[in-house]
Protein backbone atom coordinates (compact mmCIF):
# COMPACT_ATOMS: atom_id res chain seq x y z
CA MET A 1 0.01 -0.03 -0.29
CA ASN A 2 1.32 3.38 -0.94
CA GLU A 3 0.38 6.66 0.14
CA LYS A 4 -1.88 7.55 -3.17
CA SER A 5 -3.99 4.00 -2.25
CA LEU A 6 -4.25 4.78 1.68
CA LYS A 7 -5.66 8.48 0.99
CA ILE A 8 -8.06 6.35 -1.20
CA LEU A 9 -8.84 4.20 1.40
CA LEU A 10 -9.52 6.73 4.25
CA GLU A 11 -11.64 8.49 1.95
CA SER A 12 -13.72 6.03 0.90
CA VAL A 13 -14.30 5.21 4.77
CA ARG A 14 -14.99 9.20 5.36
CA GLU A 15 -17.59 9.23 2.52
CA GLY A 16 -19.52 5.98 3.59
CA LYS A 17 -18.47 3.65 0.27
CA LEU A 18 -16.16 1.34 2.48
CA GLY A 19 -17.27 0.20 5.98
CA THR A 20 -14.63 0.18 8.90
CA ASP A 21 -14.62 -3.46 8.95
CA GLU A 22 -13.96 -4.07 5.22
CA ALA A 23 -10.96 -0.90 5.60
CA LEU A 24 -9.58 -2.66 8.79
CA GLU A 25 -9.45 -6.12 6.90
CA GLN A 26 -7.64 -4.23 4.01
CA LEU A 27 -5.45 -2.73 6.84
CA LYS A 28 -4.66 -6.17 8.43
CA ASP A 29 -1.29 -6.77 6.77
CA PHE A 30 -0.72 -2.75 6.62
CA GLU A 31 3.03 -2.61 8.53
CA TYR A 32 3.94 -6.07 7.02
CA LYS A 33 3.07 -9.47 5.88
CA ASP A 34 4.63 -12.32 7.60
CA PHE A 35 5.33 -15.31 5.59
CA GLY A 36 7.82 -16.95 8.16
CA PHE A 37 10.52 -17.09 6.03
CA ALA A 38 10.32 -13.41 4.91
CA LYS A 39 8.07 -10.45 6.29
CA ILE A 40 7.34 -8.22 3.32
CA ASP A 41 7.57 -4.28 4.57
CA ASN A 42 4.02 -3.03 3.34
CA HIS A 43 5.00 0.49 5.18
CA ARG A 44 8.12 1.13 3.06
CA PRO A 45 6.32 2.82 0.16
CA ILE A 46 4.81 5.59 2.70
CA ARG A 47 7.96 5.74 4.62
CA THR A 48 10.63 6.32 1.99
CA GLY A 49 8.58 6.61 -1.29
CA TYR A 50 10.04 3.11 -2.54
CA PRO A 51 8.70 -0.32 -2.25
CA GLU A 52 10.68 -3.38 -1.13
CA VAL A 53 13.00 -4.64 -3.38
CA ILE A 54 13.49 -8.46 -3.36
CA PHE A 55 17.22 -9.88 -3.14
CA CYS A 56 16.84 -13.16 -4.91
CA GLU A 57 20.34 -14.80 -4.46
CA GLY A 58 19.94 -16.92 -1.61
CA LYS A 59 16.06 -17.47 -1.76
CA THR A 60 14.63 -20.57 -3.26
CA PRO A 61 12.63 -20.47 -6.24
CA GLY A 62 9.56 -21.11 -4.31
CA GLN A 63 10.48 -18.53 -1.61
CA VAL A 64 10.85 -15.73 -4.29
CA ALA A 65 7.76 -16.66 -6.41
CA GLU A 66 5.67 -16.60 -3.08
CA ILE A 67 6.97 -12.90 -2.13
CA ILE A 68 6.28 -11.72 -5.87
CA SER A 69 2.75 -13.30 -5.93
CA TYR A 70 1.85 -11.38 -2.91
CA MET A 71 3.01 -8.04 -4.22
CA ASP A 72 1.52 -8.43 -7.47
CA LYS A 73 -1.69 -7.83 -5.86
CA HIS A 74 -0.71 -4.34 -4.54
CA GLU A 75 -0.34 -1.30 -6.70
CA ASN A 76 4.08 -0.76 -6.83
CA ASN A 77 6.06 -1.93 -9.21
CA ILE A 78 8.07 -4.99 -8.44
CA LEU A 79 11.92 -5.57 -9.02
CA GLY A 80 14.02 -8.46 -7.97
CA THR A 81 17.53 -8.58 -8.42
CA ARG A 82 20.28 -11.17 -8.65
CA ALA A 83 17.78 -13.76 -9.86
CA THR A 84 18.04 -17.08 -11.97
CA PRO A 85 16.52 -18.46 -14.86
CA GLU A 86 15.06 -21.15 -12.57
CA VAL A 87 14.04 -18.39 -10.43
CA TYR A 88 12.33 -16.64 -13.00
CA GLU A 89 10.58 -19.90 -14.48
CA LYS A 90 8.88 -20.57 -11.21
CA VAL A 91 7.92 -16.67 -10.58
CA LYS A 92 6.24 -16.93 -14.40
CA GLU A 93 4.14 -19.66 -13.30
CA LEU A 94 2.19 -17.27 -10.23
CA CYS A 95 2.91 -14.22 -12.35
CA PRO A 96 2.76 -14.44 -15.95
CA GLN A 97 3.69 -10.84 -16.51
CA ALA A 98 6.86 -10.56 -15.09
CA ILE A 99 9.92 -9.94 -17.48
CA TYR A 100 13.30 -11.37 -16.97
CA ASN A 101 16.48 -9.35 -18.08
CA GLU A 102 19.10 -12.06 -18.53
CA LEU A 103 21.78 -9.53 -18.71
CA ALA A 104 21.11 -7.51 -15.59
CA ARG A 105 19.64 -10.54 -13.89
CA THR A 106 16.58 -8.72 -12.84
CA ILE A 107 12.48 -9.69 -12.51
CA THR A 108 10.23 -6.94 -12.92
CA VAL A 109 6.57 -6.29 -13.01
CA ASN A 110 5.09 -3.06 -13.93
CA LYS A 111 2.05 -2.12 -12.12
CA ASN A 112 2.17 1.86 -12.71
CA GLU A 113 3.34 3.75 -15.81
CA TYR A 114 4.89 6.45 -13.78
CA GLU A 115 5.34 9.61 -15.64
CA LYS A 116 8.91 9.86 -16.37
CA THR A 117 11.32 12.49 -14.98
CA LYS A 118 11.85 15.51 -16.84
CA THR A 119 15.88 15.28 -15.57
CA HIS A 120 17.41 12.07 -16.52
CA ILE A 121 19.94 9.83 -15.51
CA ALA A 122 23.19 8.90 -17.45
CA ILE A 123 24.39 5.14 -17.03
CA ILE A 124 27.87 5.22 -18.12
CA SER A 125 29.89 1.83 -18.33
CA ALA A 126 33.60 1.35 -19.25
CA GLY A 127 33.67 -1.89 -20.97
CA THR A 128 31.15 -4.30 -22.46
CA SER A 129 32.17 -6.82 -19.45
CA ASP A 130 30.77 -4.13 -17.24
CA LEU A 131 27.31 -4.36 -18.54
CA PRO A 132 25.17 -6.77 -16.25
CA VAL A 133 26.16 -4.03 -13.28
CA ALA A 134 25.27 -1.24 -15.43
CA GLU A 135 22.24 -2.64 -16.81
CA GLU A 136 20.79 -3.43 -13.44
CA ALA A 137 21.47 0.18 -12.41
CA ALA A 138 19.63 1.36 -15.40
CA ILE A 139 16.39 -1.20 -14.75
CA THR A 140 16.63 -0.14 -11.05
CA ALA A 141 16.22 3.40 -12.14
CA GLU A 142 13.73 2.94 -14.74
CA ILE A 143 11.41 0.92 -12.81
CA PHE A 144 10.92 3.69 -10.37
CA GLY A 145 9.98 6.23 -13.10
CA ASN A 146 13.10 7.41 -14.11
CA SER A 147 14.51 8.78 -17.55
CA VAL A 148 17.76 7.16 -18.48
CA LYS A 149 20.21 7.40 -20.97
CA LYS A 150 23.02 4.70 -21.54
CA TYR A 151 26.35 5.33 -22.54
CA PHE A 152 28.39 1.83 -22.82
CA ASP A 153 31.85 0.79 -23.70
CA VAL A 154 33.58 4.46 -23.20
CA GLY A 155 36.38 3.45 -20.87
CA VAL A 156 39.68 4.72 -20.77
CA ALA A 157 41.64 2.54 -23.19
CA GLY A 158 39.68 4.45 -25.79
CA ILE A 159 38.62 8.00 -24.05
CA HIS A 160 37.74 9.67 -27.10
CA ARG A 161 34.37 7.42 -26.98
CA PHE A 162 33.85 9.12 -23.62
CA TYR A 163 34.37 12.48 -24.75
CA ASN A 164 32.46 12.22 -28.12
CA ASN A 165 29.32 12.00 -25.90
CA MET A 166 30.40 14.59 -23.50
CA HIS A 167 27.89 17.22 -24.26
CA GLU A 168 24.71 15.08 -24.09
CA ILE A 169 26.51 13.55 -20.86
CA ARG A 170 26.44 16.86 -19.25
CA GLN A 171 23.09 17.27 -19.34
CA ALA A 172 22.19 14.38 -16.89
CA LYS A 173 21.28 15.68 -13.36
CA VAL A 174 23.11 12.50 -11.94
CA LEU A 175 25.50 9.81 -13.34
CA VAL A 176 26.19 6.70 -12.48
CA VAL A 177 29.66 4.94 -13.73
CA VAL A 178 30.35 1.68 -13.64
CA ALA A 179 33.96 0.20 -14.40
CA GLY A 180 36.24 -2.49 -13.28
CA MET A 181 40.22 -3.42 -14.01
CA GLU A 182 41.61 -0.12 -12.38
CA GLY A 183 38.40 1.66 -11.67
CA ALA A 184 39.92 5.00 -13.56
CA LEU A 185 36.69 6.18 -15.44
CA PRO A 186 34.60 7.79 -12.37
CA SER A 187 37.69 10.15 -11.71
CA ILE A 188 37.69 11.28 -15.45
CA VAL A 189 33.69 11.90 -15.54
CA GLY A 190 33.97 13.49 -11.76
CA GLY A 191 36.65 16.15 -13.36
CA MET A 192 34.40 16.99 -16.53
CA VAL A 193 30.87 17.35 -14.87
CA ASP A 194 29.13 19.70 -12.55
CA LYS A 195 26.67 16.88 -11.51
CA PRO A 196 26.82 13.89 -8.65
CA VAL A 197 28.99 11.08 -9.70
CA ILE A 198 27.98 7.38 -8.22
CA ALA A 199 30.71 5.33 -8.85
CA VAL A 200 30.45 1.29 -8.91
CA PRO A 201 33.31 -0.99 -8.98
CA THR A 202 32.97 -4.14 -10.92
CA SER A 203 34.51 -7.40 -10.25
CA VAL A 204 35.73 -7.66 -13.85
CA GLY A 205 39.92 -7.84 -14.10
CA TYR A 206 42.67 -9.78 -14.03
CA GLY A 207 44.49 -11.13 -10.88
CA ALA A 208 45.72 -7.90 -9.50
CA ALA A 209 42.11 -6.63 -9.68
CA PHE A 210 41.21 -8.87 -6.54
CA ASN A 211 37.68 -9.22 -7.84
CA GLY A 212 36.70 -5.45 -7.67
CA ILE A 213 38.90 -4.49 -4.45
CA ALA A 214 41.33 -2.48 -6.51
CA ALA A 215 38.56 -0.57 -8.68
CA LEU A 216 36.65 0.09 -5.50
CA LEU A 217 40.03 1.47 -3.98
CA GLY A 218 40.80 3.47 -6.85
CA MET A 219 37.16 5.07 -6.87
CA LEU A 220 37.37 5.64 -3.08
CA THR A 221 40.61 7.39 -3.26
CA SER A 222 39.70 9.75 -6.44
CA CYS A 223 41.04 13.24 -6.91
CA ALA A 224 38.18 14.12 -8.31
CA SER A 225 35.16 15.76 -6.37
CA GLY A 226 31.46 14.98 -6.09
CA VAL A 227 32.31 11.39 -6.74
CA SER A 228 30.82 8.74 -4.40
CA VAL A 229 31.15 5.28 -4.27
CA VAL A 230 28.83 2.09 -3.68
CA ASN A 231 29.70 -1.36 -3.29
CA ILE A 232 31.52 -3.98 -5.72
CA ASP A 233 28.88 -5.05 -8.44
CA ASN A 234 26.35 -2.99 -6.58
CA GLY A 235 24.30 -1.28 -9.58
CA PHE A 236 21.11 -1.44 -7.71
CA GLY A 237 22.47 0.55 -5.13
CA ALA A 238 23.81 3.19 -7.60
CA GLY A 239 20.69 2.94 -9.63
CA TYR A 240 18.02 3.42 -6.53
CA LEU A 241 20.56 6.55 -5.05
CA ALA A 242 20.68 8.02 -8.48
CA SER A 243 16.85 7.67 -8.40
CA MET A 244 16.64 9.53 -5.16
CA ILE A 245 19.02 12.51 -6.17
CA ASN A 246 17.02 13.05 -9.34
CA LYS A 247 13.85 13.29 -7.77
CA ILE A 248 14.80 15.97 -5.54
């Protein structure tokens, strides 16, 4: 239940269109729904403006399907991250309109067609190998109603590719920059724009990249101002934060 649906419920009671018993029944799981293995936070959209997102990794296909099936009865868009094809097949049995993005490993269910924001988020990836994380960030931002523009494979090994898109990139309200290896791209972007940069290190790289630790440390020690960093491979976290900034 979000703020809009709660207002409609209260107005229906006030106008006599809905009895108090019926309203109470709808509010029975107002705070959260307890499945035993999970407690779905129904109150989150009212507190934060965003519904709960399902982290599918570590959950069984049946658990994810049950959660999404329950959430499908409500009005909020649904996002599941780190989902396998096996999880999606189980979800689709209970929620046929669910969509799977194999690259980003996301499951989405569009319940509301939000009016897209007038300002947009730029998603920039250094290399093609970084695309799964970049796509996760893009889908996260889009499911919450943000306009998104993507600039892929524009890393430092061919930095002219980034500069060729510089005019458009500068129009974004916030930028998500995804890079593995040594993680240099966010520093370059941060030095060229006057907008917040959210840097996302990926686990892409050879041995000394230490599965993303080298990129993480490089981004944390960036000499460019206005660069903040999320965790390794955390495209979701970057897309979510970018959405919050874009909607301020």
